[in-house]
PDB file of N, CA and C in Angstrom:
ATOM      1  N   MET A   1    -214.975 -71.499-132.258  1.00  0.00           N
ATOM      2  CA  MET A   1    -213.705 -71.317-132.926  1.00  0.00           C
ATOM      3  C   MET A   1    -213.663 -72.228-134.156  1.00  0.00           C
ATOM      4  N   LYS A   2    -213.145 -71.719-135.240  1.00  0.00           N
ATOM      5  CA  LYS A   2    -213.195 -72.434-136.516  1.00  0.00           C
ATOM      6  C   LYS A   2    -212.347 -73.707-136.515  1.00  0.00           C
ATOM      7  N   ASP A   3    -211.162 -73.658-135.950  1.00  0.00           N
ATOM      8  CA  ASP A   3    -210.293 -74.827-136.009  1.00  0.00           C
ATOM      9  C   ASP A   3    -209.277 -74.758-134.875  1.00  0.00           C
ATOM     10  N   LEU A   4    -209.457 -75.633-133.900  1.00  0.00           N
ATOM     11  CA  LEU A   4    -208.570 -75.613-132.733  1.00  0.00           C
ATOM     12  C   LEU A   4    -207.133 -75.970-133.095  1.00  0.00           C
ATOM     13  N   GLN A   5    -206.945 -76.823-134.084  1.00  0.00           N
ATOM     14  CA  GLN A   5    -205.593 -77.199-134.487  1.00  0.00           C
ATOM     15  C   GLN A   5    -204.819 -75.990-135.002  1.00  0.00           C
ATOM     16  N   ILE A   6    -205.463 -75.173-135.815  1.00  0.00           N
ATOM     17  CA  ILE A   6    -204.801 -73.962-136.322  1.00  0.00           C
ATOM     18  C   ILE A   6    -204.476 -73.037-135.159  1.00  0.00           C
ATOM     19  N   SER A   7    -205.405 -72.882-134.217  1.00  0.00           N
ATOM     20  CA  SER A   7    -205.153 -72.012-133.063  1.00  0.00           C
ATOM     21  C   SER A   7    -203.952 -72.500-132.268  1.00  0.00           C
ATOM     22  N   LEU A   8    -203.835 -73.816-132.103  1.00  0.00           N
ATOM     23  CA  LEU A   8    -202.681 -74.382-131.403  1.00  0.00           C
ATOM     24  C   LEU A   8    -201.391 -74.089-132.166  1.00  0.00           C
ATOM     25  N   LEU A   9    -201.431 -74.255-133.481  1.00  0.00           N
ATOM     26  CA  LEU A   9    -200.244 -73.979-134.287  1.00  0.00           C
ATOM     27  C   LEU A   9    -199.879 -72.494-134.255  1.00  0.00           C
ATOM     28  N   ILE A  10    -200.878 -71.630-134.210  1.00  0.00           N
ATOM     29  CA  ILE A  10    -200.610 -70.186-134.083  1.00  0.00           C
ATOM     30  C   ILE A  10    -199.882 -69.920-132.774  1.00  0.00           C
ATOM     31  N   ASP A  11    -200.324 -70.578-131.696  1.00  0.00           N
ATOM     32  CA  ASP A  11    -199.657 -70.407-130.403  1.00  0.00           C
ATOM     33  C   ASP A  11    -198.192 -70.838-130.468  1.00  0.00           C
ATOM     34  N   PHE A  12    -197.927 -71.922-131.175  1.00  0.00           N
ATOM     35  CA  PHE A  12    -196.558 -72.437-131.260  1.00  0.00           C
ATOM     36  C   PHE A  12    -195.676 -71.629-132.205  1.00  0.00           C
ATOM     37  N   TYR A  13    -196.204 -71.339-133.382  1.00  0.00           N
ATOM     38  CA  TYR A  13    -195.349 -70.821-134.450  1.00  0.00           C
ATOM     39  C   TYR A  13    -195.766 -69.458-134.990  1.00  0.00           C
ATOM     40  N   GLY A  14    -196.768 -68.843-134.394  1.00  0.00           N
ATOM     41  CA  GLY A  14    -197.300 -67.590-134.915  1.00  0.00           C
ATOM     42  C   GLY A  14    -196.259 -66.495-135.074  1.00  0.00           C
ATOM     43  N   GLU A  15    -195.290 -66.450-134.173  1.00  0.00           N
ATOM     44  CA  GLU A  15    -194.269 -65.405-134.250  1.00  0.00           C
ATOM     45  C   GLU A  15    -193.358 -65.559-135.472  1.00  0.00           C
ATOM     46  N   LEU A  16    -193.422 -66.700-136.130  1.00  0.00           N
ATOM     47  CA  LEU A  16    -192.608 -66.917-137.330  1.00  0.00           C
ATOM     48  C   LEU A  16    -193.295 -66.389-138.594  1.00  0.00           C
ATOM     49  N   LEU A  17    -194.573 -66.053-138.473  1.00  0.00           N
ATOM     50  CA  LEU A  17    -195.320 -65.504-139.610  1.00  0.00           C
ATOM     51  C   LEU A  17    -194.979 -64.026-139.794  1.00  0.00           C
ATOM     52  N   THR A  18    -195.283 -63.510-140.979  1.00  0.00           N
ATOM     53  CA  THR A  18    -195.145 -62.062-141.162  1.00  0.00           C
ATOM     54  C   THR A  18    -196.197 -61.391-140.286  1.00  0.00           C
ATOM     55  N   GLU A  19    -196.004 -60.123-140.008  1.00  0.00           N
ATOM     56  CA  GLU A  19    -196.936 -59.400-139.141  1.00  0.00           C
ATOM     57  C   GLU A  19    -198.353 -59.416-139.718  1.00  0.00           C
ATOM     58  N   LYS A  20    -198.480 -59.196-141.041  1.00  0.00           N
ATOM     59  CA  LYS A  20    -199.808 -59.183-141.679  1.00  0.00           C
ATOM     60  C   LYS A  20    -200.444 -60.575-141.660  1.00  0.00           C
ATOM     61  N   GLN A  21    -199.638 -61.610-141.922  1.00  0.00           N
ATOM     62  CA  GLN A  21    -200.174 -62.973-141.877  1.00  0.00           C
ATOM     63  C   GLN A  21    -200.652 -63.308-140.467  1.00  0.00           C
ATOM     64  N   PHE A  22    -199.829 -62.986-139.476  1.00  0.00           N
ATOM     65  CA  PHE A  22    -200.211 -63.274-138.096  1.00  0.00           C
ATOM     66  C   PHE A  22    -201.491 -62.531-137.729  1.00  0.00           C
ATOM     67  N   ASP A  23    -201.560 -61.257-138.074  1.00  0.00           N
ATOM     68  CA  ASP A  23    -202.739 -60.455-137.757  1.00  0.00           C
ATOM     69  C   ASP A  23    -203.988 -61.066-138.387  1.00  0.00           C
ATOM     70  N   ALA A  24    -203.896 -61.441-139.654  1.00  0.00           N
ATOM     71  CA  ALA A  24    -205.053 -61.995-140.365  1.00  0.00           C
ATOM     72  C   ALA A  24    -205.474 -63.349-139.791  1.00  0.00           C
ATOM     73  N   ILE A  25    -204.535 -64.244-139.621  1.00  0.00           N
ATOM     74  CA  ILE A  25    -204.896 -65.593-139.169  1.00  0.00           C
ATOM     75  C   ILE A  25    -205.341 -65.590-137.713  1.00  0.00           C
ATOM     76  N   ASP A  26    -204.733 -64.733-136.901  1.00  0.00           N
ATOM     77  CA  ASP A  26    -205.132 -64.617-135.498  1.00  0.00           C
ATOM     78  C   ASP A  26    -206.559 -64.077-135.392  1.00  0.00           C
ATOM     79  N   LYS A  27    -206.857 -63.044-136.156  1.00  0.00           N
ATOM     80  CA  LYS A  27    -208.206 -62.468-136.119  1.00  0.00           C
ATOM     81  C   LYS A  27    -209.241 -63.463-136.655  1.00  0.00           C
ATOM     82  N   TYR A  28    -208.861 -64.219-137.670  1.00  0.00           N
ATOM     83  CA  TYR A  28    -209.793 -65.158-138.291  1.00  0.00           C
ATOM     84  C   TYR A  28    -210.090 -66.343-137.364  1.00  0.00           C
ATOM     85  N   TYR A  29    -209.047 -66.947-136.799  1.00  0.00           N
ATOM     86  CA  TYR A  29    -209.244 -68.155-135.986  1.00  0.00           C
ATOM     87  C   TYR A  29    -209.481 -67.869-134.507  1.00  0.00           C
ATOM     88  N   ASN A  30    -208.776 -66.922-133.944  1.00  0.00           N
ATOM     89  CA  ASN A  30    -208.873 -66.700-132.501  1.00  0.00           C
ATOM     90  C   ASN A  30    -209.913 -65.649-132.120  1.00  0.00           C
ATOM     91  N   GLU A  31    -210.136 -64.662-132.996  1.00  0.00           N
ATOM     92  CA  GLU A  31    -211.137 -63.637-132.696  1.00  0.00           C
ATOM     93  C   GLU A  31    -212.426 -63.858-133.470  1.00  0.00           C
ATOM     94  N   ASP A  32    -212.419 -64.847-134.365  1.00  0.00           N
ATOM     95  CA  ASP A  32    -213.591 -65.244-135.142  1.00  0.00           C
ATOM     96  C   ASP A  32    -214.152 -64.105-136.003  1.00  0.00           C
ATOM     97  N   LEU A  33    -213.258 -63.278-136.540  1.00  0.00           N
ATOM     98  CA  LEU A  33    -213.692 -62.206-137.444  1.00  0.00           C
ATOM     99  C   LEU A  33    -213.845 -62.761-138.856  1.00  0.00           C
ATOM    100  N   SER A  34    -214.697 -62.137-139.633  1.00  0.00           N
ATOM    101  CA  SER A  34    -214.903 -62.551-141.021  1.00  0.00           C
ATOM    102  C   SER A  34    -213.772 -62.006-141.899  1.00  0.00           C
ATOM    103  N   LEU A  35    -213.666 -62.545-143.104  1.00  0.00           N
ATOM    104  CA  LEU A  35    -212.678 -62.039-144.059  1.00  0.00           C
ATOM    105  C   LEU A  35    -212.928 -60.563-144.347  1.00  0.00           C
ATOM    106  N   ALA A  36    -214.194 -60.178-144.466  1.00  0.00           N
ATOM    107  CA  ALA A  36    -214.533 -58.780-144.745  1.00  0.00           C
ATOM    108  C   ALA A  36    -214.100 -57.868-143.598  1.00  0.00           C
ATOM    109  N   GLU A  37    -214.307 -58.286-142.373  1.00  0.00           N
ATOM    110  CA  GLU A  37    -213.910 -57.478-141.219  1.00  0.00           C
ATOM    111  C   GLU A  37    -212.393 -57.305-141.156  1.00  0.00           C
ATOM    112  N   ILE A  38    -211.680 -58.384-141.437  1.00  0.00           N
ATOM    113  CA  ILE A  38    -210.212 -58.331-141.422  1.00  0.00           C
ATOM    114  C   ILE A  38    -209.721 -57.453-142.567  1.00  0.00           C
ATOM    115  N   ALA A  39    -210.329 -57.609-143.744  1.00  0.00           N
ATOM    116  CA  ALA A  39    -209.953 -56.801-144.911  1.00  0.00           C
ATOM    117  C   ALA A  39    -210.117 -55.316-144.607  1.00  0.00           C
ATOM    118  N   LEU A  40    -211.197 -54.962-143.970  1.00  0.00           N
ATOM    119  CA  LEU A  40    -211.452 -53.568-143.614  1.00  0.00           C
ATOM    120  C   LEU A  40    -210.376 -53.049-142.657  1.00  0.00           C
ATOM    121  N   SER A  41    -210.011 -53.863-141.664  1.00  0.00           N
ATOM    122  CA  SER A  41    -209.013 -53.419-140.683  1.00  0.00           C
ATOM    123  C   SER A  41    -207.608 -53.337-141.289  1.00  0.00           C
ATOM    124  N   GLN A  42    -207.331 -54.177-142.296  1.00  0.00           N
ATOM    125  CA  GLN A  42    -206.005 -54.177-142.923  1.00  0.00           C
ATOM    126  C   GLN A  42    -205.937 -53.294-144.168  1.00  0.00           C
ATOM    127  N   GLY A  43    -207.078 -52.847-144.638  1.00  0.00           N
ATOM    128  CA  GLY A  43    -207.099 -52.011-145.828  1.00  0.00           C
ATOM    129  C   GLY A  43    -206.761 -52.759-147.103  1.00  0.00           C
ATOM    130  N   ILE A  44    -207.164 -54.044-147.157  1.00  0.00           N
ATOM    131  CA  ILE A  44    -206.946 -54.851-148.364  1.00  0.00           C
ATOM    132  C   ILE A  44    -208.258 -55.547-148.727  1.00  0.00           C
ATOM    133  N   THR A  45    -208.251 -56.305-149.813  1.00  0.00           N
ATOM    134  CA  THR A  45    -209.464 -56.998-150.255  1.00  0.00           C
ATOM    135  C   THR A  45    -209.680 -58.275-149.442  1.00  0.00           C
ATOM    136  N   ARG A  46    -210.917 -58.771-149.523  1.00  0.00           N
ATOM    137  CA  ARG A  46    -211.223 -60.070-148.895  1.00  0.00           C
ATOM    138  C   ARG A  46    -210.326 -61.158-149.468  1.00  0.00           C
ATOM    139  N   GLN A  47    -210.121 -61.119-150.791  1.00  0.00           N
ATOM    140  CA  GLN A  47    -209.274 -62.113-151.443  1.00  0.00           C
ATOM    141  C   GLN A  47    -207.839 -62.020-150.921  1.00  0.00           C
ATOM    142  N   GLY A  48    -207.375 -60.805-150.705  1.00  0.00           N
ATOM    143  CA  GLY A  48    -206.028 -60.620-150.154  1.00  0.00           C
ATOM    144  C   GLY A  48    -205.908 -61.228-148.763  1.00  0.00           C
ATOM    145  N   VAL A  49    -206.942 -61.044-147.952  1.00  0.00           N
ATOM    146  CA  VAL A  49    -206.956 -61.641-146.608  1.00  0.00           C
ATOM    147  C   VAL A  49    -206.984 -63.156-146.715  1.00  0.00           C
ATOM    148  N   ARG A  50    -207.849 -63.672-147.584  1.00  0.00           N
ATOM    149  CA  ARG A  50    -207.953 -65.125-147.751  1.00  0.00           C
ATOM    150  C   ARG A  50    -206.617 -65.717-148.186  1.00  0.00           C
ATOM    151  N   ASP A  51    -205.960 -65.082-149.147  1.00  0.00           N
ATOM    152  CA  ASP A  51    -204.662 -65.566-149.615  1.00  0.00           C
ATOM    153  C   ASP A  51    -203.625 -65.547-148.487  1.00  0.00           C
ATOM    154  N   SER A  52    -203.634 -64.487-147.709  1.00  0.00           N
ATOM    155  CA  SER A  52    -202.697 -64.366-146.587  1.00  0.00           C
ATOM    156  C   SER A  52    -202.939 -65.471-145.561  1.00  0.00           C
ATOM    157  N   ILE A  53    -204.203 -65.735-145.262  1.00  0.00           N
ATOM    158  CA  ILE A  53    -204.539 -66.791-144.300  1.00  0.00           C
ATOM    159  C   ILE A  53    -204.131 -68.154-144.839  1.00  0.00           C
ATOM    160  N   LYS A  54    -204.398 -68.413-146.111  1.00  0.00           N
ATOM    161  CA  LYS A  54    -204.039 -69.712-146.705  1.00  0.00           C
ATOM    162  C   LYS A  54    -202.515 -69.916-146.698  1.00  0.00           C
ATOM    163  N   ARG A  55    -201.754 -68.861-147.023  1.00  0.00           N
ATOM    164  CA  ARG A  55    -200.289 -68.969-146.971  1.00  0.00           C
ATOM    165  C   ARG A  55    -199.819 -69.234-145.533  1.00  0.00           C
ATOM    166  N   ALA A  56    -200.434 -68.539-144.580  1.00  0.00           N
ATOM    167  CA  ALA A  56    -200.069 -68.728-143.174  1.00  0.00           C
ATOM    168  C   ALA A  56    -200.406 -70.147-142.722  1.00  0.00           C
ATOM    169  N   GLU A  57    -201.584 -70.647-143.085  1.00  0.00           N
ATOM    170  CA  GLU A  57    -201.961 -72.023-142.731  1.00  0.00           C
ATOM    171  C   GLU A  57    -200.957 -73.015-143.300  1.00  0.00           C
ATOM    172  N   SER A  58    -200.627 -72.846-144.554  1.00  0.00           N
ATOM    173  CA  SER A  58    -199.667 -73.741-145.205  1.00  0.00           C
ATOM    174  C   SER A  58    -198.323 -73.717-144.476  1.00  0.00           C
ATOM    175  N   PHE A  59    -197.864 -72.523-144.138  1.00  0.00           N
ATOM    176  CA  PHE A  59    -196.599 -72.390-143.416  1.00  0.00           C
ATOM    177  C   PHE A  59    -196.682 -73.094-142.061  1.00  0.00           C
ATOM    178  N   LEU A  60    -197.783 -72.860-141.322  1.00  0.00           N
ATOM    179  CA  LEU A  60    -197.920 -73.469-139.991  1.00  0.00           C
ATOM    180  C   LEU A  60    -197.930 -74.992-140.070  1.00  0.00           C
ATOM    181  N   PHE A  61    -198.656 -75.541-141.047  1.00  0.00           N
ATOM    182  CA  PHE A  61    -198.681 -77.000-141.202  1.00  0.00           C
ATOM    183  C   PHE A  61    -197.311 -77.536-141.618  1.00  0.00           C
ATOM    184  N   ASP A  62    -196.620 -76.819-142.499  1.00  0.00           N
ATOM    185  CA  ASP A  62    -195.287 -77.253-142.930  1.00  0.00           C
ATOM    186  C   ASP A  62    -194.291 -77.254-141.776  1.00  0.00           C
ATOM    187  N   ILE A  63    -194.301 -76.195-140.971  1.00  0.00           N
ATOM    188  CA  ILE A  63    -193.343 -76.109-139.866  1.00  0.00           C
ATOM    189  C   ILE A  63    -193.659 -77.157-138.800  1.00  0.00           C
ATOM    190  N   GLU A  64    -194.948 -77.418-138.572  1.00  0.00           N
ATOM    191  CA  GLU A  64    -195.320 -78.465-137.612  1.00  0.00           C
ATOM    192  C   GLU A  64    -194.908 -79.837-138.130  1.00  0.00           C
ATOM    193  N   GLU A  65    -195.047 -80.058-139.425  1.00  0.00           N
ATOM    194  CA  GLU A  65    -194.617 -81.335-140.024  1.00  0.00           C
ATOM    195  C   GLU A  65    -193.125 -81.563-139.802  1.00  0.00           C
ATOM    196  N   LYS A  66    -192.347 -80.489-139.848  1.00  0.00           N
ATOM    197  CA  LYS A  66    -190.898 -80.605-139.665  1.00  0.00           C
ATOM    198  C   LYS A  66    -190.506 -80.712-138.196  1.00  0.00           C
ATOM    199  N   LEU A  67    -191.104 -79.884-137.338  1.00  0.00           N
ATOM    200  CA  LEU A  67    -190.679 -79.818-135.943  1.00  0.00           C
ATOM    201  C   LEU A  67    -191.507 -80.687-134.996  1.00  0.00           C
ATOM    202  N   LYS A  68    -192.777 -80.843-135.303  1.00  0.00           N
ATOM    203  CA  LYS A  68    -193.703 -81.678-134.524  1.00  0.00           C
ATOM    204  C   LYS A  68    -193.811 -81.262-133.050  1.00  0.00           C
ATOM    205  N   LEU A  69    -193.634 -79.986-132.755  1.00  0.00           N
ATOM    206  CA  LEU A  69    -193.682 -79.519-131.368  1.00  0.00           C
ATOM    207  C   LEU A  69    -195.085 -79.592-130.781  1.00  0.00           C
ATOM    208  N   ALA A  70    -196.087 -79.214-131.546  1.00  0.00           N
ATOM    209  CA  ALA A  70    -197.464 -79.258-131.046  1.00  0.00           C
ATOM    210  C   ALA A  70    -197.871 -80.703-130.758  1.00  0.00           C
ATOM    211  N   ARG A  71    -197.527 -81.607-131.660  1.00  0.00           N
ATOM    212  CA  ARG A  71    -197.853 -83.030-131.461  1.00  0.00           C
ATOM    213  C   ARG A  71    -197.131 -83.573-130.234  1.00  0.00           C
ATOM    214  N   LYS A  72    -195.867 -83.212-130.073  1.00  0.00           N
ATOM    215  CA  LYS A  72    -195.097 -83.685-128.919  1.00  0.00           C
ATOM    216  C   LYS A  72    -195.700 -83.175-127.614  1.00  0.00           C
ATOM    217  N   LEU A  73    -196.133 -81.919-127.593  1.00  0.00           N
ATOM    218  CA  LEU A  73    -196.751 -81.382-126.379  1.00  0.00           C
ATOM    219  C   LEU A  73    -198.036 -82.138-126.055  1.00  0.00           C
ATOM    220  N   GLN A  74    -198.838 -82.433-127.058  1.00  0.00           N
ATOM    221  CA  GLN A  74    -200.069 -83.180-126.821  1.00  0.00           C
ATOM    222  C   GLN A  74    -199.758 -84.578-126.268  1.00  0.00           C
ATOM    223  N   GLU A  75    -198.715 -85.218-126.780  1.00  0.00           N
ATOM    224  CA  GLU A  75    -198.317 -86.532-126.283  1.00  0.00           C
ATOM    225  C   GLU A  75    -197.816 -86.443-124.845  1.00  0.00           C
ATOM    226  N   ILE A  76    -197.066 -85.398-124.535  1.00  0.00           N
ATOM    227  CA  ILE A  76    -196.578 -85.197-123.170  1.00  0.00           C
ATOM    228  C   ILE A  76    -197.748 -84.985-122.223  1.00  0.00           C
ATOM    229  N   ARG A  77    -198.706 -84.161-122.622  1.00  0.00           N
ATOM    230  CA  ARG A  77    -199.886 -83.913-121.782  1.00  0.00           C
ATOM    231  C   ARG A  77    -200.653 -85.210-121.532  1.00  0.00           C
ATOM    232  N   SER A  78    -200.808 -86.011-122.562  1.00  0.00           N
ATOM    233  CA  SER A  78    -201.510 -87.281-122.426  1.00  0.00           C
ATOM    234  C   SER A  78    -200.757 -88.212-121.477  1.00  0.00           C
ATOM    235  N   GLY A  79    -199.439 -88.272-121.624  1.00  0.00           N
ATOM    236  CA  GLY A  79    -198.625 -89.106-120.740  1.00  0.00           C
ATOM    237  C   GLY A  79    -198.683 -88.639-119.291  1.00  0.00           C
ATOM    238  N   LEU A  80    -198.658 -87.325-119.086  1.00  0.00           N
ATOM    239  CA  LEU A  80    -198.746 -86.793-117.729  1.00  0.00           C
ATOM    240  C   LEU A  80    -200.100 -87.117-117.098  1.00  0.00           C
ATOM    241  N   LYS A  81    -201.162 -87.087-117.900  1.00  0.00           N
ATOM    242  CA  LYS A  81    -202.489 -87.444-117.377  1.00  0.00           C
ATOM    243  C   LYS A  81    -202.519 -88.914-116.969  1.00  0.00           C
ATOM    244  N   THR A  82    -201.908 -89.777-117.770  1.00  0.00           N
ATOM    245  CA  THR A  82    -201.852 -91.203-117.432  1.00  0.00           C
ATOM    246  C   THR A  82    -201.089 -91.405-116.126  1.00  0.00           C
ATOM    247  N   ILE A  83    -199.969 -90.702-115.976  1.00  0.00           N
ATOM    248  CA  ILE A  83    -199.185 -90.796-114.743  1.00  0.00           C
ATOM    249  C   ILE A  83    -200.015 -90.310-113.556  1.00  0.00           C
ATOM    250  N   LYS A  84    -200.691 -89.167-113.710  1.00  0.00           N
ATOM    251  CA  LYS A  84    -201.505 -88.613-112.620  1.00  0.00           C
ATOM    252  C   LYS A  84    -202.604 -89.592-112.216  1.00  0.00           C
ATOM    253  N   ASP A  85    -203.286 -90.161-113.191  1.00  0.00           N
ATOM    254  CA  ASP A  85    -204.349 -91.121-112.893  1.00  0.00           C
ATOM    255  C   ASP A  85    -203.799 -92.339-112.154  1.00  0.00           C
ATOM    256  N   SER A  86    -202.633 -92.813-112.561  1.00  0.00           N
ATOM    257  CA  SER A  86    -202.018 -93.970-111.914  1.00  0.00           C
ATOM    258  C   SER A  86    -201.591 -93.635-110.490  1.00  0.00           C
ATOM    259  N   VAL A  87    -201.020 -92.463-110.293  1.00  0.00           N
ATOM    260  CA  VAL A  87    -200.595 -92.042-108.955  1.00  0.00           C
ATOM    261  C   VAL A  87    -201.807 -91.881-108.036  1.00  0.00           C
ATOM    262  N   ASP A  88    -202.894 -91.315-108.562  1.00  0.00           N
ATOM    263  CA  ASP A  88    -204.116 -91.194-107.760  1.00  0.00           C
ATOM    264  C   ASP A  88    -204.611 -92.569-107.337  1.00  0.00           C
ATOM    265  N   ARG A  89    -204.549 -93.534-108.235  1.00  0.00           N
ATOM    266  CA  ARG A  89    -204.994 -94.902-107.931  1.00  0.00           C
ATOM    267  C   ARG A  89    -204.086 -95.536-106.877  1.00  0.00           C
ATOM    268  N   ILE A  90    -202.782 -95.372-107.011  1.00  0.00           N
ATOM    269  CA  ILE A  90    -201.837 -95.903-106.023  1.00  0.00           C
ATOM    270  C   ILE A  90    -202.112 -95.284-104.649  1.00  0.00           C
ATOM    271  N   GLU A  91    -202.317 -93.962-104.634  1.00  0.00           N
ATOM    272  CA  GLU A  91    -202.597 -93.275-103.368  1.00  0.00           C
ATOM    273  C   GLU A  91    -203.884 -93.811-102.735  1.00  0.00           C
ATOM    274  N   TYR A  92    -204.922 -93.958-103.548  1.00  0.00           N
ATOM    275  CA  TYR A  92    -206.193 -94.470-103.046  1.00  0.00           C
ATOM    276  C   TYR A  92    -206.024 -95.868-102.440  1.00  0.00           C
ATOM    277  N   LEU A  93    -205.380 -96.754-103.186  1.00  0.00           N
ATOM    278  CA  LEU A  93    -205.204 -98.126-102.701  1.00  0.00           C
ATOM    279  C   LEU A  93    -204.321 -98.172-101.458  1.00  0.00           C
ATOM    280  N   ASN A  94    -203.259 -97.375-101.442  1.00  0.00           N
ATOM    281  CA  ASN A  94    -202.360 -97.357-100.290  1.00  0.00           C
ATOM    282  C   ASN A  94    -203.101 -96.868 -99.044  1.00  0.00           C
ATOM    283  N   ASN A  95    -203.887 -95.808 -99.203  1.00  0.00           N
ATOM    284  CA  ASN A  95    -204.634 -95.287 -98.051  1.00  0.00           C
ATOM    285  C   ASN A  95    -205.713 -96.265 -97.594  1.00  0.00           C
ATOM    286  N   ARG A  96    -206.338 -96.927 -98.539  1.00  0.00           N
ATOM    287  CA  ARG A  96    -207.397 -97.886 -98.205  1.00  0.00           C
ATOM    288  C   ARG A  96    -206.844 -99.093 -97.447  1.00  0.00           C
ATOM    289  N   MET A  97    -205.638 -99.526 -97.845  1.00  0.00           N
ATOM    290  CA  MET A  97    -205.046-100.705 -97.222  1.00  0.00           C
ATOM    291  C   MET A  97    -204.031-100.346 -96.131  1.00  0.00           C
ATOM    292  N   ASN A  98    -203.764 -99.042 -95.990  1.00  0.00           N
ATOM    293  CA  ASN A  98    -202.825 -98.564 -94.981  1.00  0.00           C
ATOM    294  C   ASN A  98    -201.502 -99.341 -95.043  1.00  0.00           C
ATOM    295  N   ILE A  99    -200.903 -99.346 -96.239  1.00  0.00           N
ATOM    296  CA  ILE A  99    -199.706-100.154 -96.467  1.00  0.00           C
ATOM    297  C   ILE A  99    -198.425 -99.452 -96.028  1.00  0.00           C
ATOM    298  N   SER A 100    -198.211 -98.205 -96.502  1.00  0.00           N
ATOM    299  CA  SER A 100    -196.882 -97.633 -96.310  1.00  0.00           C
ATOM    300  C   SER A 100    -196.909 -96.106 -96.310  1.00  0.00           C
ATOM    301  N   THR A 101    -196.239 -95.519 -95.336  1.00  0.00           N
ATOM    302  CA  THR A 101    -196.073 -94.068 -95.323  1.00  0.00           C
ATOM    303  C   THR A 101    -195.063 -93.645 -96.391  1.00  0.00           C
ATOM    304  N   GLU A 102    -194.116 -94.531 -96.710  1.00  0.00           N
ATOM    305  CA  GLU A 102    -193.148 -94.224 -97.773  1.00  0.00           C
ATOM    306  C   GLU A 102    -193.836 -94.071 -99.125  1.00  0.00           C
ATOM    307  N   ILE A 103    -194.833 -94.906 -99.374  1.00  0.00           N
ATOM    308  CA  ILE A 103    -195.592 -94.790-100.630  1.00  0.00           C
ATOM    309  C   ILE A 103    -196.306 -93.451-100.664  1.00  0.00           C
ATOM    310  N   ASN A 104    -196.935 -93.073 -99.561  1.00  0.00           N
ATOM    311  CA  ASN A 104    -197.614 -91.773 -99.525  1.00  0.00           C
ATOM    312  C   ASN A 104    -196.628 -90.629 -99.741  1.00  0.00           C
ATOM    313  N   TYR A 105    -195.444 -90.739 -99.174  1.00  0.00           N
ATOM    314  CA  TYR A 105    -194.419 -89.704 -99.357  1.00  0.00           C
ATOM    315  C   TYR A 105    -194.025 -89.618-100.835  1.00  0.00           C
ATOM    316  N   SER A 106    -193.782 -90.767-101.464  1.00  0.00           N
ATOM    317  CA  SER A 106    -193.410 -90.793-102.882  1.00  0.00           C
ATOM    318  C   SER A 106    -194.544 -90.289-103.770  1.00  0.00           C
ATOM    319  N   VAL A 107    -195.761 -90.654-103.445  1.00  0.00           N
ATOM    320  CA  VAL A 107    -196.926 -90.168-104.190  1.00  0.00           C
ATOM    321  C   VAL A 107    -196.983 -88.646-104.109  1.00  0.00           C
ATOM    322  N   GLY A 108    -196.744 -88.105-102.923  1.00  0.00           N
ATOM    323  CA  GLY A 108    -196.745 -86.649-102.754  1.00  0.00           C
ATOM    324  C   GLY A 108    -195.682 -85.976-103.609  1.00  0.00           C
ATOM    325  N   LYS A 109    -194.491 -86.563-103.664  1.00  0.00           N
ATOM    326  CA  LYS A 109    -193.414 -86.006-104.500  1.00  0.00           C
ATOM    327  C   LYS A 109    -193.790 -86.056-105.978  1.00  0.00           C
ATOM    328  N   ILE A 110    -194.366 -87.159-106.410  1.00  0.00           N
ATOM    329  CA  ILE A 110    -194.773 -87.288-107.813  1.00  0.00           C
ATOM    330  C   ILE A 110    -195.855 -86.261-108.140  1.00  0.00           C
ATOM    331  N   LYS A 111    -196.834 -86.108-107.253  1.00  0.00           N
ATOM    332  CA  LYS A 111    -197.910 -85.136-107.496  1.00  0.00           C
ATOM    333  C   LYS A 111    -197.365 -83.718-107.559  1.00  0.00           C
ATOM    334  N   LYS A 112    -196.407 -83.401-106.703  1.00  0.00           N
ATOM    335  CA  LYS A 112    -195.812 -82.066-106.721  1.00  0.00           C
ATOM    336  C   LYS A 112    -195.061 -81.838-108.036  1.00  0.00           C
ATOM    337  N   THR A 113    -194.322 -82.838-108.484  1.00  0.00           N
ATOM    338  CA  THR A 113    -193.600 -82.742-109.755  1.00  0.00           C
ATOM    339  C   THR A 113    -194.578 -82.576-110.917  1.00  0.00           C
ATOM    340  N   LEU A 114    -195.656 -83.350-110.921  1.00  0.00           N
ATOM    341  CA  LEU A 114    -196.675 -83.231-111.969  1.00  0.00           C
ATOM    342  C   LEU A 114    -197.286 -81.833-111.982  1.00  0.00           C
ATOM    343  N   LYS A 115    -197.556 -81.275-110.809  1.00  0.00           N
ATOM    344  CA  LYS A 115    -198.115 -79.915-110.738  1.00  0.00           C
ATOM    345  C   LYS A 115    -197.125 -78.911-111.298  1.00  0.00           C
ATOM    346  N   ASN A 116    -195.842 -79.047-110.965  1.00  0.00           N
ATOM    347  CA  ASN A 116    -194.825 -78.141-111.492  1.00  0.00           C
ATOM    348  C   ASN A 116    -194.734 -78.237-113.012  1.00  0.00           C
ATOM    349  N   LEU A 117    -194.802 -79.435-113.535  1.00  0.00           N
ATOM    350  CA  LEU A 117    -194.762 -79.618-114.991  1.00  0.00           C
ATOM    351  C   LEU A 117    -196.016 -79.043-115.641  1.00  0.00           C
ATOM    352  N   ASP A 118    -197.147 -79.234-115.002  1.00  0.00           N
ATOM    353  CA  ASP A 118    -198.407 -78.706-115.542  1.00  0.00           C
ATOM    354  C   ASP A 118    -198.389 -77.174-115.555  1.00  0.00           C
ATOM    355  N   ASP A 119    -197.759 -76.569-114.576  1.00  0.00           N
ATOM    356  CA  ASP A 119    -197.679 -75.104-114.504  1.00  0.00           C
ATOM    357  C   ASP A 119    -196.783 -74.521-115.596  1.00  0.00           C
ATOM    358  N   LEU A 120    -195.925 -75.331-116.207  1.00  0.00           N
ATOM    359  CA  LEU A 120    -195.030 -74.848-117.252  1.00  0.00           C
ATOM    360  C   LEU A 120    -195.771 -74.468-118.532  1.00  0.00           C
ATOM    361  N   TYR A 121    -196.907 -75.099-118.764  1.00  0.00           N
ATOM    362  CA  TYR A 121    -197.649 -74.811-119.997  1.00  0.00           C
ATOM    363  C   TYR A 121    -199.057 -74.547-119.758  1.00  0.00           C
TER     364      TYR A 121
END
């Protein structure tokens, strides 16, 4: 794939693009088609496809700069991974030292909540 960041932005904001822009940028980044292949399917020139993709990229970067939704999701995912790793460590230590059934119960609730949050995206 040419650029994972663009693909992520397409997932977030692609529906805000015009139909032709979305079609071109989706085919270029997600389907890995060439400009010539996209031009043929859209009935326009390679330059027309390139211009459409560049306008779409600019729009996606501008909207992300304003809303920062993709960045926020990445930060949330990173934070959830840190929480999961910490909970796994607490569970391991608690089981190894046989400290508390309440800790195991709380660990189970946290893990279930993390799984539910992970299933959302």
